[in-house]
Amino acid sequence: MKISVMDSANVRIEVLNVPDHMIDEDIEQFLTEHDYSLNNISWMAAPIDFVPVQFHEYDNEDGEETHTVRHARLKDFSIYDSVQKVKRREQEELAEALRQHGEKVDDGNEWHFEGECPIVAAYNYDEPCDVVILSVRVNKDGNLTIIGDEKNDRGNEHEIEADDIFAGHLDFIISEIGK
């Protein structure tokens, strides 16, 4: 969810990404805890990926008032979308590597790592950590299954969501497939 904060004291607009489950009381407490003075700001919250903005320009040309409008989106000021594109491209490249080099199984292809396994940074149970990748699989629909084990807490193999792996880190897996 995005919170748009309009700060009248400092004449600025800030856009905050916060968990989707926040309700109004949570947001005001969150803002207060993060040093926003509720006396100087107005805020709006919406479960959207971007904040639409309209820039209006009023002028007077030859005695006639003119009005132009330019539409933009505040997401343009964030790298979030670029990171998501990198993640999608990496996921597609991993799926393709598995199709080319992986062992054929029921409804897809898989690869099991032995010896030195690739290690990626990922969010595991909402905490960032290093994850040792043990196997990867792509099914006929292109869905990935990644099995890993937290590097510092071995012996607890489980599925890691591809989106939970940091952008740029799937390449560590891709580069080991087919060797």
N, C-alpha and C. Protein backbone atom coordinates (compact mmCIF):
# COMPACT_ATOMS: atom_id res chain seq x y z
N MET A 1 0.85 -1.16 0.00
CA MET A 1 0.00 0.00 0.00
C MET A 1 0.90 1.22 0.00
N LYS A 2 0.44 2.28 -0.61
CA LYS A 2 1.16 3.54 -0.64
C LYS A 2 0.47 4.54 0.28
N ILE A 3 1.28 5.29 1.02
CA ILE A 3 0.77 6.42 1.79
C ILE A 3 1.39 7.66 1.17
N SER A 4 0.55 8.57 0.71
CA SER A 4 1.03 9.85 0.20
C SER A 4 0.95 10.85 1.35
N VAL A 5 2.07 11.44 1.67
CA VAL A 5 2.13 12.41 2.76
C VAL A 5 2.41 13.78 2.14
N MET A 6 1.51 14.72 2.40
CA MET A 6 1.71 16.10 1.95
C MET A 6 2.11 16.92 3.17
N ASP A 7 3.37 17.35 3.18
CA ASP A 7 3.94 18.06 4.31
C ASP A 7 3.88 19.56 4.02
N SER A 8 2.94 20.26 4.68
CA SER A 8 2.78 21.69 4.42
C SER A 8 3.88 22.52 5.05
N ALA A 9 4.49 22.03 6.13
CA ALA A 9 5.55 22.79 6.79
C ALA A 9 6.82 22.83 5.94
N ASN A 10 7.12 21.75 5.24
CA ASN A 10 8.34 21.66 4.45
C ASN A 10 8.07 21.69 2.95
N VAL A 11 6.84 21.89 2.56
CA VAL A 11 6.40 21.96 1.17
C VAL A 11 6.99 20.80 0.36
N ARG A 12 6.53 19.62 0.67
CA ARG A 12 6.97 18.45 -0.07
C ARG A 12 5.92 17.35 0.01
N ILE A 13 6.04 16.41 -0.93
CA ILE A 13 5.18 15.23 -0.95
C ILE A 13 6.10 14.02 -0.84
N GLU A 14 5.73 13.10 0.03
CA GLU A 14 6.49 11.87 0.18
C GLU A 14 5.54 10.71 -0.04
N VAL A 15 6.04 9.65 -0.67
CA VAL A 15 5.25 8.44 -0.89
C VAL A 15 5.94 7.32 -0.13
N LEU A 16 5.19 6.68 0.76
CA LEU A 16 5.74 5.62 1.60
C LEU A 16 5.11 4.28 1.19
N ASN A 17 5.92 3.26 1.05
CA ASN A 17 5.43 1.90 0.83
C ASN A 17 5.32 1.24 2.19
N VAL A 18 4.13 0.77 2.53
CA VAL A 18 3.89 0.14 3.83
C VAL A 18 3.12 -1.16 3.62
N PRO A 19 3.09 -2.04 4.63
CA PRO A 19 2.33 -3.29 4.48
C PRO A 19 0.86 -3.02 4.17
N ASP A 20 0.27 -3.86 3.34
CA ASP A 20 -1.11 -3.68 2.90
C ASP A 20 -2.14 -3.78 4.01
N HIS A 21 -1.81 -4.44 5.10
CA HIS A 21 -2.80 -4.69 6.14
C HIS A 21 -3.02 -3.51 7.10
N MET A 22 -2.30 -2.42 6.93
CA MET A 22 -2.45 -1.29 7.85
C MET A 22 -3.84 -0.66 7.74
N ILE A 23 -4.40 -0.25 8.87
CA ILE A 23 -5.65 0.50 8.88
C ILE A 23 -5.35 1.91 9.36
N ASP A 24 -6.34 2.81 9.29
CA ASP A 24 -6.09 4.22 9.58
C ASP A 24 -5.36 4.46 10.90
N GLU A 25 -5.79 3.78 11.96
CA GLU A 25 -5.15 4.00 13.26
C GLU A 25 -3.69 3.55 13.22
N ASP A 26 -3.43 2.45 12.52
CA ASP A 26 -2.05 1.96 12.38
C ASP A 26 -1.20 2.97 11.62
N ILE A 27 -1.78 3.57 10.59
CA ILE A 27 -1.03 4.51 9.76
C ILE A 27 -0.65 5.74 10.57
N GLU A 28 -1.59 6.28 11.32
CA GLU A 28 -1.26 7.47 12.12
C GLU A 28 -0.20 7.14 13.17
N GLN A 29 -0.28 5.97 13.78
CA GLN A 29 0.74 5.57 14.74
C GLN A 29 2.08 5.39 14.04
N PHE A 30 2.07 4.76 12.86
CA PHE A 30 3.28 4.56 12.07
C PHE A 30 3.93 5.90 11.73
N LEU A 31 3.12 6.85 11.25
CA LEU A 31 3.65 8.16 10.89
C LEU A 31 4.27 8.86 12.11
N THR A 32 3.58 8.80 13.24
CA THR A 32 4.10 9.42 14.46
C THR A 32 5.41 8.77 14.88
N GLU A 33 5.48 7.44 14.82
CA GLU A 33 6.70 6.73 15.20
C GLU A 33 7.86 7.03 14.27
N HIS A 34 7.56 7.48 13.04
CA HIS A 34 8.61 7.80 12.07
C HIS A 34 8.79 9.31 11.91
N ASP A 35 8.49 10.04 12.98
CA ASP A 35 8.77 11.48 13.10
C ASP A 35 8.01 12.39 12.14
N TYR A 36 6.83 11.98 11.73
CA TYR A 36 5.96 12.87 10.97
C TYR A 36 5.03 13.55 11.97
N SER A 37 4.97 14.86 11.93
CA SER A 37 4.07 15.60 12.81
C SER A 37 2.69 15.62 12.18
N LEU A 38 1.72 15.02 12.85
CA LEU A 38 0.36 14.95 12.30
C LEU A 38 -0.27 16.34 12.18
N ASN A 39 0.30 17.34 12.86
CA ASN A 39 -0.22 18.71 12.77
C ASN A 39 0.17 19.38 11.45
N ASN A 40 1.27 18.93 10.83
CA ASN A 40 1.78 19.60 9.63
C ASN A 40 1.53 18.83 8.34
N ILE A 41 0.89 17.68 8.43
CA ILE A 41 0.74 16.87 7.22
C ILE A 41 -0.71 16.50 6.97
N SER A 42 -0.97 16.15 5.72
CA SER A 42 -2.19 15.47 5.32
C SER A 42 -1.72 14.18 4.68
N TRP A 43 -2.49 13.13 4.83
CA TRP A 43 -2.08 11.87 4.22
C TRP A 43 -3.26 11.14 3.61
N MET A 44 -2.95 10.31 2.62
CA MET A 44 -3.93 9.45 1.98
C MET A 44 -3.26 8.09 1.81
N ALA A 45 -4.03 7.04 1.97
CA ALA A 45 -3.51 5.70 1.77
C ALA A 45 -4.35 4.98 0.74
N ALA A 46 -3.69 4.19 -0.10
CA ALA A 46 -4.41 3.44 -1.12
C ALA A 46 -3.62 2.19 -1.48
N PRO A 47 -4.30 1.06 -1.68
CA PRO A 47 -3.63 -0.18 -2.06
C PRO A 47 -3.36 -0.20 -3.58
N ILE A 48 -2.46 0.65 -4.03
CA ILE A 48 -2.15 0.76 -5.46
C ILE A 48 -0.65 0.67 -5.66
N ASP A 49 -0.23 0.44 -6.90
CA ASP A 49 1.19 0.34 -7.21
C ASP A 49 1.82 1.70 -7.49
N PHE A 50 1.00 2.68 -7.80
CA PHE A 50 1.53 4.01 -8.10
C PHE A 50 0.52 5.05 -7.67
N VAL A 51 0.98 6.28 -7.58
CA VAL A 51 0.10 7.39 -7.21
C VAL A 51 -0.05 8.29 -8.43
N PRO A 52 -1.27 8.39 -8.98
CA PRO A 52 -1.45 9.27 -10.14
C PRO A 52 -1.36 10.74 -9.72
N VAL A 53 -0.73 11.54 -10.55
CA VAL A 53 -0.55 12.96 -10.26
C VAL A 53 -0.91 13.75 -11.52
N GLN A 54 -1.61 14.84 -11.33
CA GLN A 54 -1.88 15.75 -12.43
C GLN A 54 -1.22 17.09 -12.12
N PHE A 55 -0.42 17.57 -13.06
CA PHE A 55 0.22 18.87 -12.94
C PHE A 55 -0.57 19.84 -13.80
N HIS A 56 -1.12 20.87 -13.19
CA HIS A 56 -1.90 21.88 -13.91
C HIS A 56 -1.06 23.14 -14.03
N GLU A 57 -1.09 23.73 -15.21
CA GLU A 57 -0.39 24.99 -15.41
C GLU A 57 -1.39 26.00 -15.97
N TYR A 58 -1.55 27.08 -15.24
CA TYR A 58 -2.44 28.15 -15.67
C TYR A 58 -1.56 29.33 -16.08
N ASP A 59 -1.91 29.94 -17.18
CA ASP A 59 -1.14 31.08 -17.67
C ASP A 59 -2.11 32.07 -18.32
N ASN A 60 -1.59 33.19 -18.66
CA ASN A 60 -2.39 34.21 -19.32
C ASN A 60 -1.62 34.67 -20.54
N GLU A 61 -2.13 34.30 -21.72
CA GLU A 61 -1.48 34.67 -22.97
C GLU A 61 -2.41 35.58 -23.76
N ASP A 62 -1.93 36.78 -24.04
CA ASP A 62 -2.70 37.75 -24.81
C ASP A 62 -4.08 38.00 -24.21
N GLY A 63 -4.14 38.07 -22.89
CA GLY A 63 -5.39 38.36 -22.20
C GLY A 63 -6.31 37.16 -22.04
N GLU A 64 -5.91 36.01 -22.54
CA GLU A 64 -6.73 34.82 -22.40
C GLU A 64 -6.06 33.83 -21.46
N GLU A 65 -6.88 33.30 -20.58
CA GLU A 65 -6.35 32.31 -19.64
C GLU A 65 -6.16 30.98 -20.36
N THR A 66 -4.99 30.35 -20.15
CA THR A 66 -4.73 29.03 -20.71
C THR A 66 -4.56 28.04 -19.57
N HIS A 67 -4.86 26.81 -19.88
CA HIS A 67 -4.75 25.75 -18.88
C HIS A 67 -4.24 24.49 -19.57
N THR A 68 -3.10 23.98 -19.10
CA THR A 68 -2.59 22.72 -19.62
C THR A 68 -2.46 21.73 -18.45
N VAL A 69 -2.62 20.47 -18.80
CA VAL A 69 -2.55 19.42 -17.79
C VAL A 69 -1.55 18.37 -18.26
N ARG A 70 -0.70 17.97 -17.33
CA ARG A 70 0.25 16.88 -17.61
C ARG A 70 -0.01 15.79 -16.58
N HIS A 71 -0.13 14.56 -17.06
CA HIS A 71 -0.37 13.42 -16.18
C HIS A 71 0.95 12.68 -15.94
N ALA A 72 1.17 12.28 -14.71
CA ALA A 72 2.37 11.50 -14.35
C ALA A 72 1.99 10.52 -13.25
N ARG A 73 2.94 9.69 -12.91
CA ARG A 73 2.73 8.74 -11.83
C ARG A 73 3.94 8.80 -10.91
N LEU A 74 3.71 8.86 -9.62
CA LEU A 74 4.80 8.97 -8.68
C LEU A 74 5.69 7.74 -8.64
N LYS A 75 5.21 6.62 -9.17
CA LYS A 75 6.06 5.43 -9.20
C LYS A 75 7.29 5.69 -10.06
N ASP A 76 7.22 6.65 -10.94
CA ASP A 76 8.36 6.99 -11.78
C ASP A 76 9.57 7.41 -10.96
N PHE A 77 9.37 7.76 -9.70
CA PHE A 77 10.46 8.21 -8.84
C PHE A 77 11.02 7.06 -8.00
N SER A 78 10.64 5.84 -8.31
CA SER A 78 11.05 4.68 -7.53
C SER A 78 11.72 3.66 -8.45
N ILE A 79 12.62 2.86 -7.90
CA ILE A 79 13.24 1.81 -8.69
C ILE A 79 12.49 0.49 -8.56
N TYR A 80 11.40 0.47 -7.82
CA TYR A 80 10.67 -0.77 -7.56
C TYR A 80 10.30 -1.49 -8.86
N ASP A 81 9.74 -0.77 -9.82
CA ASP A 81 9.32 -1.41 -11.07
C ASP A 81 10.51 -1.97 -11.84
N SER A 82 11.62 -1.26 -11.82
CA SER A 82 12.82 -1.76 -12.50
C SER A 82 13.32 -3.03 -11.86
N VAL A 83 13.31 -3.09 -10.54
CA VAL A 83 13.74 -4.29 -9.82
C VAL A 83 12.83 -5.46 -10.17
N GLN A 84 11.52 -5.22 -10.24
CA GLN A 84 10.57 -6.28 -10.57
C GLN A 84 10.81 -6.80 -11.98
N LYS A 85 11.15 -5.92 -12.92
CA LYS A 85 11.44 -6.35 -14.29
C LYS A 85 12.68 -7.24 -14.33
N VAL A 86 13.71 -6.87 -13.56
CA VAL A 86 14.91 -7.69 -13.49
C VAL A 86 14.58 -9.07 -12.92
N LYS A 87 13.77 -9.10 -11.86
CA LYS A 87 13.39 -10.38 -11.26
C LYS A 87 12.63 -11.25 -12.26
N ARG A 88 11.69 -10.68 -12.99
CA ARG A 88 10.92 -11.46 -13.97
C ARG A 88 11.82 -12.01 -15.07
N ARG A 89 12.76 -11.16 -15.54
CA ARG A 89 13.67 -11.61 -16.60
C ARG A 89 14.54 -12.75 -16.08
N GLU A 90 15.05 -12.64 -14.87
CA GLU A 90 15.86 -13.71 -14.29
C GLU A 90 15.05 -15.00 -14.14
N GLN A 91 13.81 -14.87 -13.71
CA GLN A 91 12.96 -16.05 -13.56
C GLN A 91 12.74 -16.74 -14.91
N GLU A 92 12.54 -15.94 -15.95
CA GLU A 92 12.37 -16.51 -17.29
C GLU A 92 13.66 -17.19 -17.75
N GLU A 93 14.81 -16.57 -17.46
CA GLU A 93 16.10 -17.16 -17.85
C GLU A 93 16.35 -18.46 -17.09
N LEU A 94 15.97 -18.50 -15.80
CA LEU A 94 16.13 -19.73 -15.02
C LEU A 94 15.23 -20.83 -15.59
N ALA A 95 14.00 -20.50 -15.91
CA ALA A 95 13.09 -21.49 -16.49
C ALA A 95 13.66 -22.02 -17.81
N GLU A 96 14.20 -21.14 -18.62
CA GLU A 96 14.77 -21.57 -19.91
C GLU A 96 16.00 -22.46 -19.70
N ALA A 97 16.85 -22.12 -18.76
CA ALA A 97 18.03 -22.95 -18.47
C ALA A 97 17.60 -24.34 -18.00
N LEU A 98 16.55 -24.40 -17.20
CA LEU A 98 16.05 -25.70 -16.74
C LEU A 98 15.48 -26.51 -17.89
N ARG A 99 14.78 -25.86 -18.80
CA ARG A 99 14.22 -26.56 -19.96
C ARG A 99 15.35 -27.14 -20.84
N GLN A 100 16.44 -26.39 -20.96
CA GLN A 100 17.54 -26.82 -21.82
C GLN A 100 18.43 -27.88 -21.17
N HIS A 101 18.70 -27.73 -19.87
CA HIS A 101 19.70 -28.58 -19.23
C HIS A 101 19.17 -29.47 -18.10
N GLY A 102 17.95 -29.21 -17.65
CA GLY A 102 17.42 -29.96 -16.51
C GLY A 102 16.97 -31.36 -16.87
N GLU A 103 16.85 -32.17 -15.86
CA GLU A 103 16.37 -33.54 -16.04
C GLU A 103 14.86 -33.51 -16.24
N LYS A 104 14.39 -34.22 -17.23
CA LYS A 104 12.94 -34.29 -17.50
C LYS A 104 12.26 -35.05 -16.37
N VAL A 105 11.19 -34.47 -15.85
CA VAL A 105 10.38 -35.11 -14.82
C VAL A 105 8.93 -34.98 -15.24
N ASP A 106 8.01 -35.52 -14.46
CA ASP A 106 6.59 -35.60 -14.79
C ASP A 106 6.09 -34.47 -15.69
N ASP A 107 6.02 -33.28 -15.14
CA ASP A 107 5.44 -32.17 -15.92
C ASP A 107 6.42 -31.01 -16.07
N GLY A 108 7.71 -31.31 -16.10
CA GLY A 108 8.67 -30.23 -16.26
C GLY A 108 10.10 -30.72 -16.26
N ASN A 109 10.99 -29.84 -15.80
CA ASN A 109 12.42 -30.13 -15.74
C ASN A 109 12.95 -29.66 -14.39
N GLU A 110 13.96 -30.41 -13.88
CA GLU A 110 14.54 -29.99 -12.60
C GLU A 110 16.04 -30.19 -12.60
N TRP A 111 16.68 -29.53 -11.64
CA TRP A 111 18.13 -29.62 -11.48
C TRP A 111 18.43 -29.71 -10.00
N HIS A 112 19.27 -30.68 -9.62
CA HIS A 112 19.69 -30.85 -8.24
C HIS A 112 21.17 -30.49 -8.14
N PHE A 113 21.51 -29.67 -7.16
CA PHE A 113 22.88 -29.25 -6.98
C PHE A 113 23.57 -30.19 -5.99
N GLU A 114 24.82 -30.51 -6.30
CA GLU A 114 25.61 -31.36 -5.43
C GLU A 114 26.94 -30.67 -5.17
N GLY A 115 27.53 -30.96 -4.02
CA GLY A 115 28.81 -30.34 -3.67
C GLY A 115 28.59 -28.88 -3.32
N GLU A 116 29.29 -28.00 -4.02
CA GLU A 116 29.15 -26.56 -3.78
C GLU A 116 27.86 -26.07 -4.42
N CYS A 117 26.89 -25.76 -3.60
CA CYS A 117 25.59 -25.29 -4.08
C CYS A 117 25.60 -23.76 -4.18
N PRO A 118 24.84 -23.21 -5.12
CA PRO A 118 24.76 -21.75 -5.19
C PRO A 118 24.09 -21.19 -3.94
N ILE A 119 24.51 -20.00 -3.56
CA ILE A 119 23.95 -19.31 -2.39
C ILE A 119 23.39 -17.98 -2.87
N VAL A 120 22.16 -17.69 -2.46
CA VAL A 120 21.51 -16.44 -2.84
C VAL A 120 21.04 -15.71 -1.58
N ALA A 121 20.83 -14.42 -1.72
CA ALA A 121 20.20 -13.65 -0.64
C ALA A 121 18.70 -13.66 -0.91
N ALA A 122 17.94 -13.90 0.14
CA ALA A 122 16.49 -13.98 -0.02
C ALA A 122 15.82 -13.58 1.28
N TYR A 123 14.54 -13.28 1.16
CA TYR A 123 13.73 -13.08 2.36
C TYR A 123 13.16 -14.43 2.73
N ASN A 124 13.55 -14.90 3.89
CA ASN A 124 13.12 -16.19 4.38
C ASN A 124 12.36 -15.92 5.67
N TYR A 125 11.07 -16.17 5.68
CA TYR A 125 10.22 -15.84 6.83
C TYR A 125 10.32 -14.34 7.13
N ASP A 126 10.28 -13.52 6.10
CA ASP A 126 10.29 -12.04 6.18
C ASP A 126 11.61 -11.45 6.66
N GLU A 127 12.64 -12.25 6.82
CA GLU A 127 13.94 -11.77 7.23
C GLU A 127 14.95 -12.04 6.11
N PRO A 128 15.82 -11.09 5.79
CA PRO A 128 16.84 -11.36 4.78
C PRO A 128 17.90 -12.32 5.33
N CYS A 129 18.33 -13.26 4.48
CA CYS A 129 19.36 -14.20 4.89
C CYS A 129 19.97 -14.83 3.63
N ASP A 130 21.05 -15.56 3.83
CA ASP A 130 21.66 -16.32 2.75
C ASP A 130 21.00 -17.70 2.70
N VAL A 131 20.65 -18.15 1.49
CA VAL A 131 19.98 -19.43 1.32
C VAL A 131 20.81 -20.29 0.36
N VAL A 132 21.10 -21.50 0.81
CA VAL A 132 21.79 -22.48 -0.03
C VAL A 132 20.73 -23.15 -0.90
N ILE A 133 20.90 -23.08 -2.20
CA ILE A 133 19.92 -23.65 -3.13
C ILE A 133 20.27 -25.11 -3.39
N LEU A 134 19.32 -25.98 -3.13
CA LEU A 134 19.53 -27.43 -3.27
C LEU A 134 18.96 -27.97 -4.58
N SER A 135 17.82 -27.43 -5.01
CA SER A 135 17.24 -27.88 -6.28
C SER A 135 16.29 -26.81 -6.81
N VAL A 136 16.08 -26.86 -8.12
CA VAL A 136 15.13 -25.97 -8.78
C VAL A 136 14.35 -26.78 -9.81
N ARG A 137 13.14 -26.35 -10.04
CA ARG A 137 12.27 -27.06 -10.97
C ARG A 137 11.38 -26.06 -11.70
N VAL A 138 11.09 -26.33 -12.96
CA VAL A 138 10.10 -25.55 -13.71
C VAL A 138 9.08 -26.55 -14.25
N ASN A 139 7.79 -26.22 -14.09
CA ASN A 139 6.77 -27.12 -14.63
C ASN A 139 6.40 -26.67 -16.04
N LYS A 140 5.50 -27.39 -16.68
CA LYS A 140 5.14 -27.10 -18.07
C LYS A 140 4.52 -25.71 -18.24
N ASP A 141 3.96 -25.14 -17.15
CA ASP A 141 3.36 -23.81 -17.20
C ASP A 141 4.36 -22.70 -16.92
N GLY A 142 5.63 -23.06 -16.65
CA GLY A 142 6.65 -22.06 -16.39
C GLY A 142 6.78 -21.67 -14.93
N ASN A 143 6.06 -22.34 -14.04
CA ASN A 143 6.14 -22.03 -12.61
C ASN A 143 7.39 -22.66 -12.00
N LEU A 144 8.10 -21.86 -11.21
CA LEU A 144 9.34 -22.32 -10.59
C LEU A 144 9.09 -22.84 -9.19
N THR A 145 9.83 -23.88 -8.83
CA THR A 145 9.88 -24.38 -7.46
C THR A 145 11.36 -24.38 -7.08
N ILE A 146 11.69 -23.68 -6.01
CA ILE A 146 13.07 -23.56 -5.57
C ILE A 146 13.15 -24.10 -4.14
N ILE A 147 14.01 -25.10 -3.95
CA ILE A 147 14.19 -25.70 -2.63
C ILE A 147 15.54 -25.23 -2.09
N GLY A 148 15.50 -24.68 -0.89
CA GLY A 148 16.73 -24.18 -0.29
C GLY A 148 16.77 -24.45 1.19
N ASP A 149 17.88 -24.06 1.78
CA ASP A 149 18.12 -24.26 3.20
C ASP A 149 18.90 -23.04 3.69
N GLU A 150 18.44 -22.43 4.76
CA GLU A 150 19.12 -21.25 5.28
C GLU A 150 20.57 -21.60 5.61
N LYS A 151 21.50 -20.79 5.13
CA LYS A 151 22.93 -21.09 5.26
C LYS A 151 23.35 -21.28 6.71
N ASN A 152 22.85 -20.45 7.60
CA ASN A 152 23.27 -20.49 9.01
C ASN A 152 22.37 -21.36 9.88
N ASP A 153 21.43 -22.07 9.28
CA ASP A 153 20.53 -22.94 10.04
C ASP A 153 20.19 -24.15 9.18
N ARG A 154 21.22 -24.94 8.87
CA ARG A 154 21.06 -26.06 7.93
C ARG A 154 20.19 -27.15 8.51
N GLY A 155 19.59 -27.95 7.63
CA GLY A 155 18.78 -29.08 8.03
C GLY A 155 17.29 -28.80 8.02
N ASN A 156 16.90 -27.67 7.42
CA ASN A 156 15.48 -27.31 7.36
C ASN A 156 15.12 -26.95 5.92
N GLU A 157 15.23 -27.92 5.01
CA GLU A 157 14.94 -27.67 3.59
C GLU A 157 13.48 -27.25 3.42
N HIS A 158 13.26 -26.23 2.59
CA HIS A 158 11.90 -25.79 2.31
C HIS A 158 11.87 -24.99 1.02
N GLU A 159 10.66 -24.75 0.53
CA GLU A 159 10.48 -24.02 -0.73
C GLU A 159 10.69 -22.52 -0.50
N ILE A 160 11.42 -21.92 -1.41
CA ILE A 160 11.66 -20.48 -1.40
C ILE A 160 10.92 -19.90 -2.61
N GLU A 161 10.11 -18.88 -2.39
CA GLU A 161 9.42 -18.23 -3.50
C GLU A 161 10.44 -17.47 -4.36
N ALA A 162 10.32 -17.59 -5.67
CA ALA A 162 11.25 -16.91 -6.57
C ALA A 162 11.24 -15.40 -6.33
N ASP A 163 10.09 -14.82 -6.02
CA ASP A 163 10.01 -13.38 -5.77
C ASP A 163 10.71 -12.96 -4.48
N ASP A 164 10.96 -13.92 -3.57
CA ASP A 164 11.63 -13.60 -2.32
C ASP A 164 13.15 -13.53 -2.47
N ILE A 165 13.67 -13.97 -3.61
CA ILE A 165 15.11 -13.92 -3.87
C ILE A 165 15.46 -12.53 -4.40
N PHE A 166 16.53 -11.96 -3.88
CA PHE A 166 16.94 -10.61 -4.26
C PHE A 166 17.20 -10.54 -5.76
N ALA A 167 16.88 -9.40 -6.34
CA ALA A 167 17.14 -9.16 -7.76
C ALA A 167 18.64 -9.33 -8.02
N GLY A 168 18.96 -10.01 -9.11
CA GLY A 168 20.35 -10.24 -9.48
C GLY A 168 20.92 -11.52 -8.93
N HIS A 169 20.23 -12.18 -8.01
CA HIS A 169 20.77 -13.37 -7.36
C HIS A 169 20.39 -14.68 -8.04
N LEU A 170 19.33 -14.70 -8.84
CA LEU A 170 19.00 -15.92 -9.56
C LEU A 170 20.11 -16.29 -10.54
N ASP A 171 20.89 -15.30 -10.95
CA ASP A 171 22.00 -15.56 -11.85
C ASP A 171 23.02 -16.52 -11.23
N PHE A 172 23.14 -16.50 -9.89
CA PHE A 172 24.05 -17.45 -9.22
C PHE A 172 23.58 -18.88 -9.44
N ILE A 173 22.28 -19.07 -9.54
CA ILE A 173 21.71 -20.40 -9.80
C ILE A 173 21.87 -20.74 -11.28
N ILE A 174 21.48 -19.81 -12.13
CA ILE A 174 21.51 -20.03 -13.59
C ILE A 174 22.92 -20.41 -14.05
N SER A 175 23.92 -19.72 -13.51
CA SER A 175 25.31 -19.96 -13.96
C SER A 175 25.82 -21.35 -13.57
N GLU A 176 25.16 -22.01 -12.62
CA GLU A 176 25.58 -23.36 -12.20
C GLU A 176 24.83 -24.47 -12.94
N ILE A 177 23.79 -24.14 -13.65
CA ILE A 177 23.01 -25.16 -14.35
C ILE A 177 23.70 -25.48 -15.67
N GLY A 178 23.86 -26.77 -15.94
CA GLY A 178 24.47 -27.20 -17.19
C GLY A 178 25.97 -27.33 -17.12
N LYS A 179 26.57 -27.05 -15.97
CA LYS A 179 28.04 -27.19 -15.86
C LYS A 179 28.44 -28.64 -15.83
